[in-house]
Amino acid sequence: MNDGLTMPGKCESCGKNGPRFRFRNDYAEPVINMDLCPSCMNKAFHAMIFYFRTPAGRKAMAERKAQQ
């Protein structure tokens, strides 16, 4: 998920320069691994919260737990 603040640079989503956060979503196919600005990180975080509340999200979490 969030690996923390990385060096300033360009957001891999919107292209804005500034501080970036490492974002990783292991539940996506393929795995999402991006450096995002605070605004895009917030959007990604809220999208994941929404996704995990859907039937597909619950299924993905159950499959991930079964693999571990």
PDB file of N, CA and C in Angstrom:
ATOM      1  N   MET A   1       0.806  -1.157   0.000  1.00  0.00           N
ATOM      2  CA  MET A   1       0.000   0.000   0.000  1.00  0.00           C
ATOM      3  C   MET A   1       0.871   1.249   0.000  1.00  0.00           C
ATOM      4  N   ASN A   2       1.046   1.911   1.151  1.00  0.00           N
ATOM      5  CA  ASN A   2       1.838   3.142   1.173  1.00  0.00           C
ATOM      6  C   ASN A   2       3.191   2.857   1.802  1.00  0.00           C
ATOM      7  N   ASP A   3       4.244   2.999   1.018  1.00  0.00           N
ATOM      8  CA  ASP A   3       5.597   2.781   1.521  1.00  0.00           C
ATOM      9  C   ASP A   3       6.220   4.056   2.060  1.00  0.00           C
ATOM     10  N   GLY A   4       5.513   5.164   2.025  1.00  0.00           N
ATOM     11  CA  GLY A   4       6.005   6.391   2.609  1.00  0.00           C
ATOM     12  C   GLY A   4       6.421   7.437   1.600  1.00  0.00           C
ATOM     13  N   LEU A   5       6.863   8.558   2.126  1.00  0.00           N
ATOM     14  CA  LEU A   5       7.259   9.701   1.326  1.00  0.00           C
ATOM     15  C   LEU A   5       8.566   9.403   0.606  1.00  0.00           C
ATOM     16  N   THR A   6       8.612   9.692  -0.692  1.00  0.00           N
ATOM     17  CA  THR A   6       9.826   9.506  -1.477  1.00  0.00           C
ATOM     18  C   THR A   6      10.384  10.872  -1.844  1.00  0.00           C
ATOM     19  N   MET A   7      11.459  10.886  -2.559  1.00  0.00           N
ATOM     20  CA  MET A   7      12.085  12.153  -2.957  1.00  0.00           C
ATOM     21  C   MET A   7      11.140  12.944  -3.861  1.00  0.00           C
ATOM     22  N   PRO A   8      11.209  14.274  -3.807  1.00  0.00           N
ATOM     23  CA  PRO A   8      10.365  15.078  -4.696  1.00  0.00           C
ATOM     24  C   PRO A   8      10.631  14.726  -6.156  1.00  0.00           C
ATOM     25  N   GLY A   9       9.609  14.843  -6.954  1.00  0.00           N
ATOM     26  CA  GLY A   9       9.717  14.550  -8.376  1.00  0.00           C
ATOM     27  C   GLY A   9       8.358  14.668  -9.025  1.00  0.00           C
ATOM     28  N   LYS A  10       8.185  14.022 -10.172  1.00  0.00           N
ATOM     29  CA  LYS A  10       6.956  14.109 -10.942  1.00  0.00           C
ATOM     30  C   LYS A  10       6.016  12.963 -10.574  1.00  0.00           C
ATOM     31  N   CYS A  11       4.742  13.305 -10.344  1.00  0.00           N
ATOM     32  CA  CYS A  11       3.701  12.314 -10.056  1.00  0.00           C
ATOM     33  C   CYS A  11       3.511  11.446 -11.298  1.00  0.00           C
ATOM     34  N   GLU A  12       3.441  10.144 -11.106  1.00  0.00           N
ATOM     35  CA  GLU A  12       3.266   9.228 -12.228  1.00  0.00           C
ATOM     36  C   GLU A  12       1.826   9.182 -12.727  1.00  0.00           C
ATOM     37  N   SER A  13       0.913   9.879 -12.061  1.00  0.00           N
ATOM     38  CA  SER A  13      -0.473   9.908 -12.499  1.00  0.00           C
ATOM     39  C   SER A  13      -0.812  11.242 -13.184  1.00  0.00           C
ATOM     40  N   CYS A  14      -0.590  12.353 -12.482  1.00  0.00           N
ATOM     41  CA  CYS A  14      -0.986  13.657 -13.034  1.00  0.00           C
ATOM     42  C   CYS A  14       0.184  14.468 -13.578  1.00  0.00           C
ATOM     43  N   GLY A  15       1.415  14.104 -13.228  1.00  0.00           N
ATOM     44  CA  GLY A  15       2.588  14.813 -13.735  1.00  0.00           C
ATOM     45  C   GLY A  15       3.023  16.014 -12.916  1.00  0.00           C
ATOM     46  N   LYS A  16       2.348  16.297 -11.802  1.00  0.00           N
ATOM     47  CA  LYS A  16       2.683  17.445 -10.961  1.00  0.00           C
ATOM     48  C   LYS A  16       4.018  17.209 -10.251  1.00  0.00           C
ATOM     49  N   ASN A  17       4.872  18.235 -10.204  1.00  0.00           N
ATOM     50  CA  ASN A  17       6.143  18.141  -9.483  1.00  0.00           C
ATOM     51  C   ASN A  17       5.940  18.468  -8.016  1.00  0.00           C
ATOM     52  N   GLY A  18       6.663  17.770  -7.152  1.00  0.00           N
ATOM     53  CA  GLY A  18       6.575  18.015  -5.722  1.00  0.00           C
ATOM     54  C   GLY A  18       6.816  16.734  -4.953  1.00  0.00           C
ATOM     55  N   PRO A  19       6.384  16.700  -3.695  1.00  0.00           N
ATOM     56  CA  PRO A  19       6.574  15.478  -2.894  1.00  0.00           C
ATOM     57  C   PRO A  19       5.752  14.341  -3.484  1.00  0.00           C
ATOM     58  N   ARG A  20       6.272  13.137  -3.321  1.00  0.00           N
ATOM     59  CA  ARG A  20       5.580  11.960  -3.849  1.00  0.00           C
ATOM     60  C   ARG A  20       5.514  10.881  -2.775  1.00  0.00           C
ATOM     61  N   PHE A  21       4.491  10.057  -2.867  1.00  0.00           N
ATOM     62  CA  PHE A  21       4.321   8.904  -1.990  1.00  0.00           C
ATOM     63  C   PHE A  21       4.380   7.643  -2.836  1.00  0.00           C
ATOM     64  N   ARG A  22       5.016   6.611  -2.309  1.00  0.00           N
ATOM     65  CA  ARG A  22       5.069   5.309  -2.983  1.00  0.00           C
ATOM     66  C   ARG A  22       3.740   4.611  -2.735  1.00  0.00           C
ATOM     67  N   PHE A  23       3.048   4.218  -3.791  1.00  0.00           N
ATOM     68  CA  PHE A  23       1.769   3.528  -3.698  1.00  0.00           C
ATOM     69  C   PHE A  23       1.890   2.173  -4.370  1.00  0.00           C
ATOM     70  N   ARG A  24       1.405   1.135  -3.698  1.00  0.00           N
ATOM     71  CA  ARG A  24       1.434  -0.225  -4.253  1.00  0.00           C
ATOM     72  C   ARG A  24       0.108  -0.895  -3.937  1.00  0.00           C
ATOM     73  N   ASN A  25      -0.507  -1.482  -4.958  1.00  0.00           N
ATOM     74  CA  ASN A  25      -1.752  -2.212  -4.792  1.00  0.00           C
ATOM     75  C   ASN A  25      -1.518  -3.640  -5.262  1.00  0.00           C
ATOM     76  N   ASP A  26      -1.341  -4.551  -4.319  1.00  0.00           N
ATOM     77  CA  ASP A  26      -1.098  -5.956  -4.632  1.00  0.00           C
ATOM     78  C   ASP A  26      -2.365  -6.693  -5.043  1.00  0.00           C
ATOM     79  N   TYR A  27      -3.529  -6.098  -4.839  1.00  0.00           N
ATOM     80  CA  TYR A  27      -4.783  -6.753  -5.183  1.00  0.00           C
ATOM     81  C   TYR A  27      -5.136  -6.573  -6.653  1.00  0.00           C
ATOM     82  N   ALA A  28      -4.515  -5.625  -7.328  1.00  0.00           N
ATOM     83  CA  ALA A  28      -4.785  -5.369  -8.744  1.00  0.00           C
ATOM     84  C   ALA A  28      -4.023  -6.362  -9.614  1.00  0.00           C
ATOM     85  N   GLU A  29      -4.551  -6.610 -10.804  1.00  0.00           N
ATOM     86  CA  GLU A  29      -3.870  -7.447 -11.794  1.00  0.00           C
ATOM     87  C   GLU A  29      -3.653  -6.616 -13.033  1.00  0.00           C
ATOM     88  N   PRO A  30      -2.466  -6.253 -13.401  1.00  0.00           N
ATOM     89  CA  PRO A  30      -1.200  -6.469 -12.708  1.00  0.00           C
ATOM     90  C   PRO A  30      -1.070  -5.548 -11.496  1.00  0.00           C
ATOM     91  N   VAL A  31      -0.121  -5.855 -10.639  1.00  0.00           N
ATOM     92  CA  VAL A  31       0.120  -5.066  -9.423  1.00  0.00           C
ATOM     93  C   VAL A  31       0.434  -3.617  -9.812  1.00  0.00           C
ATOM     94  N   ILE A  32      -0.165  -2.672  -9.079  1.00  0.00           N
ATOM     95  CA  ILE A  32       0.073  -1.248  -9.317  1.00  0.00           C
ATOM     96  C   ILE A  32       1.175  -0.789  -8.374  1.00  0.00           C
ATOM     97  N   ASN A  33       2.193  -0.152  -8.907  1.00  0.00           N
ATOM     98  CA  ASN A  33       3.323   0.349  -8.132  1.00  0.00           C
ATOM     99  C   ASN A  33       3.704   1.707  -8.716  1.00  0.00           C
ATOM    100  N   MET A  34       3.325   2.794  -8.035  1.00  0.00           N
ATOM    101  CA  MET A  34       3.515   4.136  -8.578  1.00  0.00           C
ATOM    102  C   MET A  34       3.998   5.102  -7.496  1.00  0.00           C
ATOM    103  N   ASP A  35       4.614   6.201  -7.937  1.00  0.00           N
ATOM    104  CA  ASP A  35       4.921   7.339  -7.072  1.00  0.00           C
ATOM    105  C   ASP A  35       3.871   8.401  -7.357  1.00  0.00           C
ATOM    106  N   LEU A  36       3.101   8.774  -6.325  1.00  0.00           N
ATOM    107  CA  LEU A  36       1.980   9.688  -6.497  1.00  0.00           C
ATOM    108  C   LEU A  36       2.124  10.933  -5.630  1.00  0.00           C
ATOM    109  N   CYS A  37       1.592  12.061  -6.135  1.00  0.00           N
ATOM    110  CA  CYS A  37       1.549  13.299  -5.349  1.00  0.00           C
ATOM    111  C   CYS A  37       0.502  13.109  -4.246  1.00  0.00           C
ATOM    112  N   PRO A  38       0.477  13.970  -3.232  1.00  0.00           N
ATOM    113  CA  PRO A  38      -0.498  13.805  -2.141  1.00  0.00           C
ATOM    114  C   PRO A  38      -1.946  13.746  -2.621  1.00  0.00           C
ATOM    115  N   SER A  39      -2.302  14.548  -3.617  1.00  0.00           N
ATOM    116  CA  SER A  39      -3.674  14.555  -4.118  1.00  0.00           C
ATOM    117  C   SER A  39      -4.030  13.224  -4.781  1.00  0.00           C
ATOM    118  N   CYS A  40      -3.165  12.727  -5.642  1.00  0.00           N
ATOM    119  CA  CYS A  40      -3.416  11.447  -6.308  1.00  0.00           C
ATOM    120  C   CYS A  40      -3.362  10.291  -5.315  1.00  0.00           C
ATOM    121  N   MET A  41      -2.502  10.392  -4.311  1.00  0.00           N
ATOM    122  CA  MET A  41      -2.420   9.353  -3.275  1.00  0.00           C
ATOM    123  C   MET A  41      -3.742   9.285  -2.517  1.00  0.00           C
ATOM    124  N   ASN A  42      -4.300  10.426  -2.201  1.00  0.00           N
ATOM    125  CA  ASN A  42      -5.585  10.485  -1.509  1.00  0.00           C
ATOM    126  C   ASN A  42      -6.674   9.828  -2.357  1.00  0.00           C
ATOM    127  N   LYS A  43      -6.691  10.124  -3.653  1.00  0.00           N
ATOM    128  CA  LYS A  43      -7.686   9.524  -4.540  1.00  0.00           C
ATOM    129  C   LYS A  43      -7.503   8.008  -4.614  1.00  0.00           C
ATOM    130  N   ALA A  44      -6.267   7.555  -4.734  1.00  0.00           N
ATOM    131  CA  ALA A  44      -5.991   6.115  -4.804  1.00  0.00           C
ATOM    132  C   ALA A  44      -6.412   5.416  -3.515  1.00  0.00           C
ATOM    133  N   PHE A  45      -6.134   6.035  -2.389  1.00  0.00           N
ATOM    134  CA  PHE A  45      -6.498   5.471  -1.093  1.00  0.00           C
ATOM    135  C   PHE A  45      -8.016   5.324  -0.970  1.00  0.00           C
ATOM    136  N   HIS A  46      -8.744   6.371  -1.349  1.00  0.00           N
ATOM    137  CA  HIS A  46     -10.206   6.316  -1.262  1.00  0.00           C
ATOM    138  C   HIS A  46     -10.792   5.332  -2.275  1.00  0.00           C
ATOM    139  N   ALA A  47     -10.181   5.193  -3.426  1.00  0.00           N
ATOM    140  CA  ALA A  47     -10.642   4.208  -4.408  1.00  0.00           C
ATOM    141  C   ALA A  47     -10.474   2.797  -3.857  1.00  0.00           C
ATOM    142  N   MET A  48      -9.374   2.541  -3.156  1.00  0.00           N
ATOM    143  CA  MET A  48      -9.160   1.217  -2.561  1.00  0.00           C
ATOM    144  C   MET A  48     -10.178   0.946  -1.461  1.00  0.00           C
ATOM    145  N   ILE A  49     -10.478   1.939  -0.643  1.00  0.00           N
ATOM    146  CA  ILE A  49     -11.497   1.774   0.403  1.00  0.00           C
ATOM    147  C   ILE A  49     -12.829   1.405  -0.236  1.00  0.00           C
ATOM    148  N   PHE A  50     -13.188   2.114  -1.299  1.00  0.00           N
ATOM    149  CA  PHE A  50     -14.442   1.834  -1.998  1.00  0.00           C
ATOM    150  C   PHE A  50     -14.421   0.419  -2.578  1.00  0.00           C
ATOM    151  N   TYR A  51     -13.317   0.049  -3.226  1.00  0.00           N
ATOM    152  CA  TYR A  51     -13.191  -1.263  -3.853  1.00  0.00           C
ATOM    153  C   TYR A  51     -13.336  -2.395  -2.836  1.00  0.00           C
ATOM    154  N   PHE A  52     -12.714  -2.259  -1.681  1.00  0.00           N
ATOM    155  CA  PHE A  52     -12.764  -3.326  -0.680  1.00  0.00           C
ATOM    156  C   PHE A  52     -14.151  -3.507  -0.078  1.00  0.00           C
ATOM    157  N   ARG A  53     -15.042  -2.569  -0.319  1.00  0.00           N
ATOM    158  CA  ARG A  53     -16.419  -2.692   0.167  1.00  0.00           C
ATOM    159  C   ARG A  53     -17.334  -3.336  -0.868  1.00  0.00           C
ATOM    160  N   THR A  54     -16.827  -3.589  -2.073  1.00  0.00           N
ATOM    161  CA  THR A  54     -17.623  -4.217  -3.126  1.00  0.00           C
ATOM    162  C   THR A  54     -17.473  -5.738  -3.052  1.00  0.00           C
ATOM    163  N   PRO A  55     -18.388  -6.490  -3.677  1.00  0.00           N
ATOM    164  CA  PRO A  55     -18.238  -7.953  -3.701  1.00  0.00           C
ATOM    165  C   PRO A  55     -16.909  -8.393  -4.337  1.00  0.00           C
ATOM    166  N   ALA A  56     -16.488  -7.734  -5.393  1.00  0.00           N
ATOM    167  CA  ALA A  56     -15.214  -8.093  -6.037  1.00  0.00           C
ATOM    168  C   ALA A  56     -14.041  -7.846  -5.095  1.00  0.00           C
ATOM    169  N   GLY A  57     -14.088  -6.770  -4.336  1.00  0.00           N
ATOM    170  CA  GLY A  57     -13.019  -6.465  -3.388  1.00  0.00           C
ATOM    171  C   GLY A  57     -12.961  -7.468  -2.254  1.00  0.00           C
ATOM    172  N   ARG A  58     -14.122  -7.838  -1.738  1.00  0.00           N
ATOM    173  CA  ARG A  58     -14.160  -8.844  -0.667  1.00  0.00           C
ATOM    174  C   ARG A  58     -13.633 -10.182  -1.176  1.00  0.00           C
ATOM    175  N   LYS A  59     -13.969 -10.517  -2.420  1.00  0.00           N
ATOM    176  CA  LYS A  59     -13.479 -11.760  -3.020  1.00  0.00           C
ATOM    177  C   LYS A  59     -11.959 -11.718  -3.170  1.00  0.00           C
ATOM    178  N   ALA A  60     -11.412 -10.572  -3.633  1.00  0.00           N
ATOM    179  CA  ALA A  60      -9.960 -10.433  -3.798  1.00  0.00           C
ATOM    180  C   ALA A  60      -9.246 -10.573  -2.458  1.00  0.00           C
ATOM    181  N   MET A  61      -9.801  -9.976  -1.397  1.00  0.00           N
ATOM    182  CA  MET A  61      -9.185 -10.098  -0.075  1.00  0.00           C
ATOM    183  C   MET A  61      -9.234 -11.537   0.422  1.00  0.00           C
ATOM    184  N   ALA A  62     -10.357 -12.232   0.194  1.00  0.00           N
ATOM    185  CA  ALA A  62     -10.478 -13.625   0.630  1.00  0.00           C
ATOM    186  C   ALA A  62      -9.480 -14.513  -0.126  1.00  0.00           C
ATOM    187  N   GLU A  63      -9.324 -14.272  -1.429  1.00  0.00           N
ATOM    188  CA  GLU A  63      -8.358 -15.054  -2.215  1.00  0.00           C
ATOM    189  C   GLU A  63      -6.932 -14.791  -1.743  1.00  0.00           C
ATOM    190  N   ARG A  64      -6.624 -13.546  -1.401  1.00  0.00           N
ATOM    191  CA  ARG A  64      -5.280 -13.190  -0.936  1.00  0.00           C
ATOM    192  C   ARG A  64      -4.999 -13.883   0.395  1.00  0.00           C
ATOM    193  N   LYS A  65      -5.980 -13.889   1.301  1.00  0.00           N
ATOM    194  CA  LYS A  65      -5.797 -14.548   2.595  1.00  0.00           C
ATOM    195  C   LYS A  65      -5.629 -16.056   2.436  1.00  0.00           C
ATOM    196  N   ALA A  66      -6.346 -16.644   1.462  1.00  0.00           N
ATOM    197  CA  ALA A  66      -6.228 -18.086   1.226  1.00  0.00           C
ATOM    198  C   ALA A  66      -4.848 -18.453   0.692  1.00  0.00           C
ATOM    199  N   GLN A  67      -4.200 -17.554  -0.039  1.00  0.00           N
ATOM    200  CA  GLN A  67      -2.874 -17.802  -0.592  1.00  0.00           C
ATOM    201  C   GLN A  67      -1.800 -17.751   0.491  1.00  0.00           C
ATOM    202  N   GLN A  68      -2.046 -17.012   1.547  1.00  0.00           N
ATOM    203  CA  GLN A  68      -1.021 -16.826   2.591  1.00  0.00           C
ATOM    204  C   GLN A  68      -1.009 -17.939   3.534  1.00  0.00           C
TER     205      GLN A  68
END
